[in-house]
Amino acid sequence: DIAMVFQNYALYPHMTVYENMGFSLKLKKLDKATIDKKVREAAEILHITQYL
């Protein structure tokens, strides 16, 4: 798998960091618990948990 993290212009400014990270998962209609788990795991890998 390949992943990419946008740093600015692909973000929705009216949404929080958490909401931006979980947006595509929400569109896939994943349940809230799964979204939360995946967002927090990704934030930990990227060392951005303080922004959630």
Protein backbone atom coordinates (compact mmCIF):
# COMPACT_ATOMS: atom_id res chain seq x y z
CA ASP A 1 0.00 0.00 0.00
CA ILE A 2 1.01 3.58 -0.64
CA ALA A 3 -0.17 6.55 1.41
CA MET A 4 0.22 10.27 1.05
CA VAL A 5 -0.30 13.00 3.63
CA PHE A 6 -1.18 16.47 2.38
CA GLN A 7 0.26 19.27 4.45
CA ASN A 8 -1.95 22.17 3.50
CA TYR A 9 -4.04 22.74 0.39
CA ALA A 10 -6.02 19.48 0.37
CA LEU A 11 -7.43 20.11 3.83
CA TYR A 12 -10.87 21.45 4.65
CA PRO A 13 -10.24 24.57 6.76
CA HIS A 14 -13.61 24.40 8.51
CA MET A 15 -12.85 20.91 9.83
CA THR A 16 -10.58 19.87 12.68
CA VAL A 17 -7.44 17.79 12.15
CA TYR A 18 -9.37 14.76 13.40
CA GLU A 19 -12.28 15.42 11.02
CA ASN A 20 -9.93 15.93 8.07
CA MET A 21 -8.14 12.66 8.80
CA GLY A 22 -11.37 10.72 9.17
CA PHE A 23 -13.23 12.30 6.26
CA SER A 24 -12.57 9.60 3.65
CA LEU A 25 -13.36 6.89 6.18
CA LYS A 26 -16.68 8.57 6.92
CA LEU A 27 -17.44 8.66 3.18
CA LYS A 28 -16.80 4.91 3.11
CA LYS A 29 -19.47 4.67 5.82
CA LEU A 30 -17.19 3.03 8.38
CA ASP A 31 -18.52 2.98 11.93
CA LYS A 32 -17.37 5.67 14.37
CA ALA A 33 -15.29 3.26 16.48
CA THR A 34 -13.31 2.10 13.44
CA ILE A 35 -12.79 5.68 12.24
CA ASP A 36 -11.58 6.71 15.70
CA LYS A 37 -9.16 3.78 15.89
CA LYS A 38 -7.70 4.41 12.44
CA VAL A 39 -7.39 8.18 12.89
CA ARG A 40 -5.64 7.78 16.23
CA GLU A 41 -3.28 5.11 14.88
CA ALA A 42 -2.33 7.31 11.92
CA ALA A 43 -1.88 10.36 14.15
CA GLU A 44 0.44 8.39 16.39
CA ILE A 45 2.56 7.25 13.44
CA LEU A 46 2.75 10.84 12.17
CA HIS A 47 3.47 12.22 15.66
CA ILE A 48 0.51 14.61 15.51
CA THR A 49 -1.66 13.28 18.36
CA GLN A 50 -1.40 16.63 20.14
CA TYR A 51 -3.47 18.18 17.32
CA LEU A 52 -6.39 15.82 17.70
